[in-house]
Amino acid sequence: MSKNNRSSKGRNFLLGLALIGLALPFSLSAAVPDNLSGTIKIDGSSTVYPITEAVAEEFGRANSGVKVTVGISGTGGGFKKFTVGETDISNASRPIKSTEHD
């Protein structure tokens, strides 16, 4: 695979993530009831962190009764925390490996 092709795929991937990040707050705010409360714990990939942090902030503004925490422990660390129930959502920049679950 040529360097230009890899660069193009990387840009397309980042553009896709950005578009999801921009669209998600609008879709979430329309789909949730007004009286939400509790905590949502998210952890994992540092690559995904900036988008997740922005979405978490927007979600928190729209749902003042919900505390959203976003951490960074890497994709593998996020999977580990998720599979033992420490987090509700795992940020990942790759698919989970068979050795990382069950």
N, C-alpha and C. Protein backbone atom coordinates (compact mmCIF):
# COMPACT_ATOMS: atom_id res chain seq x y z
N MET A 1 0.85 -1.17 0.00
CA MET A 1 0.00 0.00 0.00
C MET A 1 0.90 1.23 0.00
N SER A 2 0.60 2.17 -0.86
CA SER A 2 1.42 3.36 -0.97
C SER A 2 1.18 4.29 0.21
N LYS A 3 2.15 5.18 0.44
CA LYS A 3 2.06 6.13 1.55
C LYS A 3 0.86 7.06 1.35
N ASN A 4 0.60 7.50 0.12
CA ASN A 4 -0.54 8.38 -0.15
C ASN A 4 -1.86 7.68 0.15
N ASN A 5 -1.96 6.40 -0.19
CA ASN A 5 -3.18 5.65 0.07
C ASN A 5 -3.42 5.52 1.58
N ARG A 6 -2.34 5.26 2.36
CA ARG A 6 -2.47 5.17 3.82
C ARG A 6 -2.86 6.51 4.40
N SER A 7 -2.26 7.59 3.91
CA SER A 7 -2.59 8.93 4.40
C SER A 7 -4.05 9.26 4.12
N SER A 8 -4.51 8.90 2.94
CA SER A 8 -5.90 9.15 2.56
C SER A 8 -6.85 8.37 3.46
N LYS A 9 -6.53 7.11 3.73
CA LYS A 9 -7.38 6.30 4.61
C LYS A 9 -7.39 6.88 6.02
N GLY A 10 -6.23 7.33 6.48
CA GLY A 10 -6.16 7.93 7.81
C GLY A 10 -6.99 9.20 7.91
N ARG A 11 -6.92 10.03 6.89
CA ARG A 11 -7.73 11.27 6.87
C ARG A 11 -9.21 10.93 6.84
N ASN A 12 -9.58 9.94 6.02
CA ASN A 12 -10.99 9.53 5.95
C ASN A 12 -11.48 9.00 7.29
N PHE A 13 -10.65 8.22 7.97
CA PHE A 13 -11.01 7.69 9.28
C PHE A 13 -11.23 8.83 10.27
N LEU A 14 -10.30 9.77 10.32
CA LEU A 14 -10.43 10.90 11.25
C LEU A 14 -11.63 11.76 10.90
N LEU A 15 -11.88 11.96 9.63
CA LEU A 15 -13.05 12.73 9.21
C LEU A 15 -14.33 12.02 9.65
N GLY A 16 -14.37 10.71 9.48
CA GLY A 16 -15.53 9.95 9.92
C GLY A 16 -15.76 10.06 11.42
N LEU A 17 -14.67 9.97 12.21
CA LEU A 17 -14.79 10.13 13.65
C LEU A 17 -15.31 11.52 14.01
N ALA A 18 -14.79 12.52 13.34
CA ALA A 18 -15.22 13.89 13.62
C ALA A 18 -16.71 14.07 13.30
N LEU A 19 -17.15 13.52 12.19
CA LEU A 19 -18.57 13.64 11.83
C LEU A 19 -19.46 12.93 12.84
N ILE A 20 -19.03 11.77 13.30
CA ILE A 20 -19.79 11.06 14.33
C ILE A 20 -19.83 11.90 15.60
N GLY A 21 -18.69 12.46 15.96
CA GLY A 21 -18.63 13.30 17.15
C GLY A 21 -19.53 14.51 17.07
N LEU A 22 -19.64 15.09 15.89
CA LEU A 22 -20.51 16.25 15.72
C LEU A 22 -21.98 15.87 15.71
N ALA A 23 -22.31 14.73 15.15
CA ALA A 23 -23.70 14.32 15.02
C ALA A 23 -24.25 13.69 16.30
N LEU A 24 -23.42 13.03 17.06
CA LEU A 24 -23.88 12.28 18.22
C LEU A 24 -24.61 13.12 19.26
N PRO A 25 -24.11 14.28 19.64
CA PRO A 25 -24.84 15.05 20.66
C PRO A 25 -26.26 15.39 20.23
N PHE A 26 -26.45 15.68 18.97
CA PHE A 26 -27.79 16.03 18.49
C PHE A 26 -28.71 14.82 18.52
N SER A 27 -28.20 13.66 18.14
CA SER A 27 -29.04 12.47 18.15
C SER A 27 -29.32 12.02 19.58
N LEU A 28 -28.35 12.15 20.48
CA LEU A 28 -28.56 11.76 21.87
C LEU A 28 -29.55 12.68 22.56
N SER A 29 -29.44 13.97 22.33
CA SER A 29 -30.32 14.90 23.03
C SER A 29 -31.77 14.72 22.61
N ALA A 30 -32.01 14.25 21.42
CA ALA A 30 -33.38 14.03 20.96
C ALA A 30 -33.93 12.69 21.44
N ALA A 31 -33.05 11.78 21.84
CA ALA A 31 -33.49 10.42 22.15
C ALA A 31 -33.61 10.12 23.64
N VAL A 32 -33.21 11.03 24.52
CA VAL A 32 -33.20 10.73 25.95
C VAL A 32 -34.26 11.52 26.70
N PRO A 33 -34.81 10.93 27.77
CA PRO A 33 -35.79 11.67 28.57
C PRO A 33 -35.13 12.81 29.34
N ASP A 34 -35.95 13.74 29.83
CA ASP A 34 -35.44 14.92 30.53
C ASP A 34 -34.95 14.64 31.94
N ASN A 35 -35.32 13.55 32.54
CA ASN A 35 -35.03 13.32 33.95
C ASN A 35 -33.94 12.28 34.20
N LEU A 36 -32.94 12.22 33.38
CA LEU A 36 -31.85 11.27 33.56
C LEU A 36 -31.00 11.65 34.76
N SER A 37 -30.45 10.64 35.44
CA SER A 37 -29.51 10.88 36.53
C SER A 37 -28.56 9.70 36.61
N GLY A 38 -27.45 9.90 37.31
CA GLY A 38 -26.48 8.84 37.48
C GLY A 38 -25.12 9.21 36.93
N THR A 39 -24.30 8.19 36.76
CA THR A 39 -22.93 8.38 36.28
C THR A 39 -22.68 7.44 35.11
N ILE A 40 -21.99 7.95 34.10
CA ILE A 40 -21.54 7.15 32.97
C ILE A 40 -20.03 7.20 32.97
N LYS A 41 -19.39 6.04 33.04
CA LYS A 41 -17.93 5.96 33.06
C LYS A 41 -17.43 5.44 31.72
N ILE A 42 -16.52 6.21 31.12
CA ILE A 42 -15.95 5.87 29.81
C ILE A 42 -14.44 5.86 29.95
N ASP A 43 -13.77 4.91 29.33
CA ASP A 43 -12.31 4.84 29.40
C ASP A 43 -11.79 4.10 28.18
N GLY A 44 -10.53 4.32 27.85
CA GLY A 44 -9.90 3.58 26.76
C GLY A 44 -8.96 4.40 25.93
N SER A 45 -9.10 4.29 24.63
CA SER A 45 -8.18 4.83 23.64
C SER A 45 -7.96 6.34 23.75
N SER A 46 -6.70 6.73 23.71
CA SER A 46 -6.38 8.17 23.68
C SER A 46 -6.72 8.78 22.32
N THR A 47 -6.75 7.97 21.28
CA THR A 47 -7.10 8.45 19.95
C THR A 47 -8.55 8.93 19.91
N VAL A 48 -9.42 8.21 20.58
CA VAL A 48 -10.85 8.52 20.58
C VAL A 48 -11.21 9.55 21.65
N TYR A 49 -10.34 9.73 22.64
CA TYR A 49 -10.61 10.60 23.79
C TYR A 49 -11.13 11.99 23.43
N PRO A 50 -10.49 12.74 22.53
CA PRO A 50 -10.97 14.11 22.27
C PRO A 50 -12.43 14.16 21.80
N ILE A 51 -12.81 13.21 21.00
CA ILE A 51 -14.20 13.18 20.51
C ILE A 51 -15.14 12.80 21.65
N THR A 52 -14.77 11.78 22.40
CA THR A 52 -15.60 11.33 23.52
C THR A 52 -15.74 12.43 24.56
N GLU A 53 -14.67 13.12 24.86
CA GLU A 53 -14.71 14.21 25.84
C GLU A 53 -15.66 15.31 25.38
N ALA A 54 -15.61 15.68 24.12
CA ALA A 54 -16.51 16.71 23.59
C ALA A 54 -17.97 16.27 23.66
N VAL A 55 -18.23 15.02 23.30
CA VAL A 55 -19.60 14.49 23.35
C VAL A 55 -20.07 14.41 24.80
N ALA A 56 -19.19 13.99 25.71
CA ALA A 56 -19.55 13.90 27.13
C ALA A 56 -19.90 15.27 27.69
N GLU A 57 -19.14 16.28 27.33
CA GLU A 57 -19.43 17.64 27.80
C GLU A 57 -20.79 18.11 27.29
N GLU A 58 -21.06 17.88 26.04
CA GLU A 58 -22.34 18.29 25.46
C GLU A 58 -23.50 17.51 26.11
N PHE A 59 -23.31 16.22 26.30
CA PHE A 59 -24.34 15.40 26.93
C PHE A 59 -24.59 15.88 28.36
N GLY A 60 -23.52 16.21 29.08
CA GLY A 60 -23.65 16.71 30.44
C GLY A 60 -24.40 18.03 30.51
N ARG A 61 -24.16 18.91 29.55
CA ARG A 61 -24.89 20.18 29.51
C ARG A 61 -26.38 19.95 29.26
N ALA A 62 -26.69 18.98 28.43
CA ALA A 62 -28.09 18.70 28.11
C ALA A 62 -28.78 17.87 29.19
N ASN A 63 -28.00 17.21 30.05
CA ASN A 63 -28.54 16.32 31.08
C ASN A 63 -27.81 16.57 32.39
N SER A 64 -28.19 17.62 33.10
CA SER A 64 -27.46 18.06 34.29
C SER A 64 -27.44 17.03 35.41
N GLY A 65 -28.34 16.08 35.41
CA GLY A 65 -28.36 15.05 36.45
C GLY A 65 -27.42 13.90 36.19
N VAL A 66 -26.72 13.94 35.07
CA VAL A 66 -25.81 12.84 34.71
C VAL A 66 -24.37 13.34 34.76
N LYS A 67 -23.54 12.59 35.47
CA LYS A 67 -22.10 12.88 35.51
C LYS A 67 -21.42 11.90 34.55
N VAL A 68 -20.67 12.43 33.59
CA VAL A 68 -19.95 11.59 32.63
C VAL A 68 -18.46 11.77 32.88
N THR A 69 -17.76 10.67 33.15
CA THR A 69 -16.31 10.73 33.32
C THR A 69 -15.66 10.03 32.13
N VAL A 70 -14.59 10.62 31.63
CA VAL A 70 -13.87 10.06 30.48
C VAL A 70 -12.40 9.95 30.86
N GLY A 71 -11.86 8.74 30.82
CA GLY A 71 -10.47 8.51 31.14
C GLY A 71 -9.71 7.95 29.95
N ILE A 72 -8.38 7.90 30.12
CA ILE A 72 -7.51 7.35 29.08
C ILE A 72 -6.65 6.26 29.71
N SER A 73 -6.78 5.04 29.23
CA SER A 73 -5.91 3.96 29.67
C SER A 73 -5.44 3.11 28.49
N GLY A 74 -5.69 3.60 27.28
CA GLY A 74 -5.36 2.85 26.08
C GLY A 74 -6.50 1.90 25.73
N THR A 75 -6.52 1.46 24.50
CA THR A 75 -7.60 0.57 24.06
C THR A 75 -7.65 -0.70 24.89
N GLY A 76 -6.51 -1.35 25.09
CA GLY A 76 -6.47 -2.58 25.88
C GLY A 76 -6.89 -2.36 27.32
N GLY A 77 -6.42 -1.26 27.92
CA GLY A 77 -6.81 -0.93 29.29
C GLY A 77 -8.30 -0.66 29.40
N GLY A 78 -8.85 0.02 28.40
CA GLY A 78 -10.28 0.28 28.39
C GLY A 78 -11.10 -0.99 28.28
N PHE A 79 -10.65 -1.91 27.42
CA PHE A 79 -11.33 -3.20 27.30
C PHE A 79 -11.29 -3.95 28.64
N LYS A 80 -10.13 -3.94 29.30
CA LYS A 80 -9.99 -4.64 30.57
C LYS A 80 -10.97 -4.07 31.60
N LYS A 81 -11.04 -2.74 31.70
CA LYS A 81 -11.96 -2.11 32.66
C LYS A 81 -13.41 -2.42 32.31
N PHE A 82 -13.73 -2.42 31.03
CA PHE A 82 -15.10 -2.69 30.60
C PHE A 82 -15.52 -4.13 30.91
N THR A 83 -14.64 -5.08 30.63
CA THR A 83 -15.01 -6.49 30.80
C THR A 83 -15.16 -6.88 32.27
N VAL A 84 -14.58 -6.12 33.20
CA VAL A 84 -14.76 -6.41 34.63
C VAL A 84 -15.81 -5.50 35.26
N GLY A 85 -16.46 -4.69 34.44
CA GLY A 85 -17.57 -3.87 34.92
C GLY A 85 -17.19 -2.54 35.54
N GLU A 86 -15.95 -2.09 35.36
CA GLU A 86 -15.53 -0.81 35.92
C GLU A 86 -16.03 0.38 35.11
N THR A 87 -16.33 0.17 33.83
CA THR A 87 -16.81 1.25 32.97
C THR A 87 -18.08 0.82 32.25
N ASP A 88 -18.77 1.83 31.74
CA ASP A 88 -20.00 1.59 30.98
C ASP A 88 -19.74 1.55 29.48
N ILE A 89 -18.74 2.31 29.05
CA ILE A 89 -18.41 2.43 27.62
C ILE A 89 -16.90 2.32 27.48
N SER A 90 -16.44 1.62 26.46
CA SER A 90 -15.01 1.48 26.19
C SER A 90 -14.66 2.19 24.89
N ASN A 91 -13.77 3.17 24.97
CA ASN A 91 -13.24 3.81 23.76
C ASN A 91 -12.22 2.86 23.14
N ALA A 92 -12.31 2.63 21.86
CA ALA A 92 -11.38 1.70 21.21
C ALA A 92 -10.99 2.20 19.83
N SER A 93 -9.73 2.03 19.51
CA SER A 93 -9.26 2.38 18.18
C SER A 93 -8.94 1.14 17.36
N ARG A 94 -9.40 -0.01 17.87
CA ARG A 94 -9.25 -1.28 17.17
C ARG A 94 -10.29 -2.25 17.73
N PRO A 95 -10.57 -3.34 17.02
CA PRO A 95 -11.51 -4.35 17.55
C PRO A 95 -10.92 -5.05 18.78
N ILE A 96 -11.79 -5.54 19.63
CA ILE A 96 -11.33 -6.30 20.80
C ILE A 96 -10.78 -7.65 20.34
N LYS A 97 -9.68 -8.07 20.98
CA LYS A 97 -9.07 -9.37 20.67
C LYS A 97 -9.78 -10.45 21.48
N SER A 98 -9.76 -11.68 20.97
CA SER A 98 -10.41 -12.78 21.68
C SER A 98 -9.80 -13.00 23.06
N THR A 99 -8.54 -12.66 23.23
CA THR A 99 -7.87 -12.82 24.53
C THR A 99 -8.26 -11.72 25.52
N GLU A 100 -8.98 -10.71 25.06
CA GLU A 100 -9.33 -9.59 25.94
C GLU A 100 -10.75 -9.67 26.49
N HIS A 101 -11.49 -10.69 26.13
CA HIS A 101 -12.83 -10.84 26.70
C HIS A 101 -13.04 -12.27 27.15
N ASP A 102 -13.96 -12.41 28.07
CA ASP A 102 -14.29 -13.70 28.70
C ASP A 102 -13.04 -14.31 29.20
